[in-house]
Amino acid sequence: MSYRVHRFDIKMAQEQDDLEQFLNGLRGEVISITPNVTAGFMWIPRVNFLLIVERLP
C-alpha cells in the first residue's frame, strides 16, 4: 500500500467549503486528519493547518 500526506493550510471560519472540495477530490481513502494547534491571541487555541493522510489504491 502507498500513502500520501497532504498539508492543507486553513482558517476554520473561512475555508470549510475549500476543505470539503479538497477531501472530495482525493482519489484514495482518508486515513487520518491531524490538526496543528497553536496558541493564538490570549492563548486561544488556533488551527494553522491540517495534515491529511491518504491511502492510495
N, C-alpha and C. Protein backbone atom coordinates (compact mmCIF):
# COMPACT_ATOMS: atom_id res chain seq x y z
N MET A 1 0.83 -1.18 0.00
CA MET A 1 0.00 0.00 0.00
C MET A 1 0.87 1.25 0.00
N SER A 2 0.40 2.25 -0.68
CA SER A 2 1.09 3.54 -0.71
C SER A 2 0.26 4.57 0.03
N TYR A 3 0.95 5.50 0.66
CA TYR A 3 0.29 6.57 1.39
C TYR A 3 0.81 7.91 0.90
N ARG A 4 -0.01 8.91 1.01
CA ARG A 4 0.40 10.27 0.67
C ARG A 4 -0.08 11.17 1.79
N VAL A 5 0.78 12.12 2.21
CA VAL A 5 0.42 13.08 3.25
C VAL A 5 0.28 14.45 2.59
N HIS A 6 -0.86 15.07 2.81
CA HIS A 6 -1.14 16.39 2.26
C HIS A 6 -1.16 17.40 3.40
N ARG A 7 -0.66 18.59 3.14
CA ARG A 7 -0.77 19.69 4.10
C ARG A 7 -1.80 20.66 3.54
N PHE A 8 -2.80 20.99 4.37
CA PHE A 8 -3.88 21.87 3.94
C PHE A 8 -3.92 23.06 4.89
N ASP A 9 -3.43 24.23 4.43
CA ASP A 9 -3.48 25.45 5.24
C ASP A 9 -4.92 25.92 5.33
N ILE A 10 -5.34 26.30 6.55
CA ILE A 10 -6.76 26.58 6.74
C ILE A 10 -6.99 27.65 7.80
N LYS A 11 -8.04 28.41 7.57
CA LYS A 11 -8.64 29.28 8.58
C LYS A 11 -10.05 28.74 8.74
N MET A 12 -10.32 28.11 9.85
CA MET A 12 -11.53 27.30 10.01
C MET A 12 -12.82 28.06 9.70
N ALA A 13 -12.90 29.33 10.04
CA ALA A 13 -14.15 30.07 9.83
C ALA A 13 -14.38 30.40 8.36
N GLN A 14 -13.33 30.38 7.55
CA GLN A 14 -13.46 30.88 6.18
C GLN A 14 -13.34 29.81 5.10
N GLU A 15 -12.70 28.71 5.38
CA GLU A 15 -12.35 27.78 4.30
C GLU A 15 -12.97 26.40 4.44
N GLN A 16 -14.13 26.29 5.04
CA GLN A 16 -14.75 24.99 5.19
C GLN A 16 -15.16 24.40 3.85
N ASP A 17 -15.63 25.22 2.94
CA ASP A 17 -16.02 24.73 1.61
C ASP A 17 -14.81 24.24 0.83
N ASP A 18 -13.67 24.95 0.96
CA ASP A 18 -12.45 24.53 0.27
C ASP A 18 -11.97 23.18 0.80
N LEU A 19 -12.08 22.97 2.11
CA LEU A 19 -11.69 21.68 2.69
C LEU A 19 -12.60 20.56 2.18
N GLU A 20 -13.88 20.82 2.09
CA GLU A 20 -14.82 19.82 1.60
C GLU A 20 -14.49 19.44 0.16
N GLN A 21 -14.21 20.42 -0.69
CA GLN A 21 -13.86 20.15 -2.08
C GLN A 21 -12.56 19.37 -2.18
N PHE A 22 -11.58 19.72 -1.34
CA PHE A 22 -10.30 19.03 -1.35
C PHE A 22 -10.48 17.55 -0.98
N LEU A 23 -11.24 17.30 0.09
CA LEU A 23 -11.44 15.92 0.53
C LEU A 23 -12.21 15.11 -0.50
N ASN A 24 -13.21 15.71 -1.13
CA ASN A 24 -13.98 15.00 -2.16
C ASN A 24 -13.16 14.74 -3.41
N GLY A 25 -12.10 15.50 -3.63
CA GLY A 25 -11.27 15.32 -4.82
C GLY A 25 -10.15 14.31 -4.65
N LEU A 26 -9.96 13.77 -3.46
CA LEU A 26 -8.91 12.77 -3.25
C LEU A 26 -9.28 11.46 -3.92
N ARG A 27 -8.27 10.77 -4.47
CA ARG A 27 -8.51 9.51 -5.16
C ARG A 27 -8.63 8.33 -4.20
N GLY A 28 -7.86 8.37 -3.11
CA GLY A 28 -7.82 7.23 -2.19
C GLY A 28 -8.73 7.43 -0.98
N GLU A 29 -8.42 6.65 0.05
CA GLU A 29 -9.19 6.65 1.29
C GLU A 29 -8.48 7.52 2.32
N VAL A 30 -9.22 8.39 2.98
CA VAL A 30 -8.65 9.24 4.02
C VAL A 30 -8.47 8.39 5.28
N ILE A 31 -7.23 8.31 5.75
CA ILE A 31 -6.90 7.51 6.92
C ILE A 31 -6.94 8.37 8.19
N SER A 32 -6.43 9.59 8.10
CA SER A 32 -6.35 10.43 9.29
C SER A 32 -6.30 11.90 8.89
N ILE A 33 -6.89 12.73 9.75
CA ILE A 33 -6.77 14.19 9.62
C ILE A 33 -6.26 14.69 10.96
N THR A 34 -5.06 15.30 10.95
CA THR A 34 -4.42 15.76 12.17
C THR A 34 -4.26 17.27 12.12
N PRO A 35 -4.89 17.99 13.06
CA PRO A 35 -4.74 19.45 13.07
C PRO A 35 -3.45 19.87 13.78
N ASN A 36 -2.84 20.94 13.32
CA ASN A 36 -1.73 21.57 14.02
C ASN A 36 -2.31 22.73 14.81
N VAL A 37 -2.36 22.57 16.13
CA VAL A 37 -2.99 23.55 17.01
C VAL A 37 -1.91 24.34 17.72
N THR A 38 -2.01 25.69 17.66
CA THR A 38 -1.09 26.57 18.37
C THR A 38 -1.90 27.54 19.22
N ALA A 39 -1.20 28.22 20.12
CA ALA A 39 -1.85 29.23 20.96
C ALA A 39 -1.84 30.56 20.22
N GLY A 40 -3.01 31.16 20.09
CA GLY A 40 -3.12 32.46 19.43
C GLY A 40 -3.19 33.57 20.45
N PHE A 41 -3.88 34.63 20.10
CA PHE A 41 -4.04 35.78 20.97
C PHE A 41 -4.72 35.36 22.27
N MET A 42 -4.17 35.79 23.38
CA MET A 42 -4.69 35.45 24.72
C MET A 42 -4.77 33.94 24.92
N TRP A 43 -3.89 33.21 24.28
CA TRP A 43 -3.74 31.76 24.39
C TRP A 43 -4.98 31.00 23.98
N ILE A 44 -5.70 31.56 23.03
CA ILE A 44 -6.87 30.87 22.47
C ILE A 44 -6.35 29.88 21.42
N PRO A 45 -6.76 28.62 21.49
CA PRO A 45 -6.29 27.63 20.52
C PRO A 45 -6.68 28.01 19.10
N ARG A 46 -5.75 27.73 18.17
CA ARG A 46 -5.95 28.09 16.78
C ARG A 46 -5.37 26.99 15.89
N VAL A 47 -6.11 26.61 14.85
CA VAL A 47 -5.64 25.59 13.90
C VAL A 47 -4.97 26.30 12.73
N ASN A 48 -3.69 26.02 12.51
CA ASN A 48 -2.94 26.63 11.40
C ASN A 48 -3.09 25.83 10.11
N PHE A 49 -2.94 24.51 10.22
CA PHE A 49 -3.04 23.66 9.04
C PHE A 49 -3.45 22.26 9.47
N LEU A 50 -3.85 21.47 8.48
CA LEU A 50 -4.22 20.08 8.69
C LEU A 50 -3.26 19.19 7.92
N LEU A 51 -2.88 18.07 8.52
CA LEU A 51 -2.15 17.03 7.81
C LEU A 51 -3.16 15.92 7.51
N ILE A 52 -3.31 15.60 6.23
CA ILE A 52 -4.30 14.62 5.80
C ILE A 52 -3.55 13.44 5.19
N VAL A 53 -3.74 12.25 5.77
CA VAL A 53 -3.10 11.04 5.28
C VAL A 53 -4.08 10.29 4.41
N GLU A 54 -3.65 10.00 3.18
CA GLU A 54 -4.49 9.33 2.19
C GLU A 54 -3.84 7.99 1.81
N ARG A 55 -4.62 6.92 1.83
CA ARG A 55 -4.16 5.62 1.34
C ARG A 55 -4.54 5.53 -0.13
N LEU A 56 -3.52 5.34 -0.96
CA LEU A 56 -3.75 5.27 -2.41
C LEU A 56 -4.17 3.88 -2.84
N PRO A 57 -5.00 3.79 -3.87
CA PRO A 57 -5.45 2.45 -4.33
C PRO A 57 -4.33 1.68 -5.01
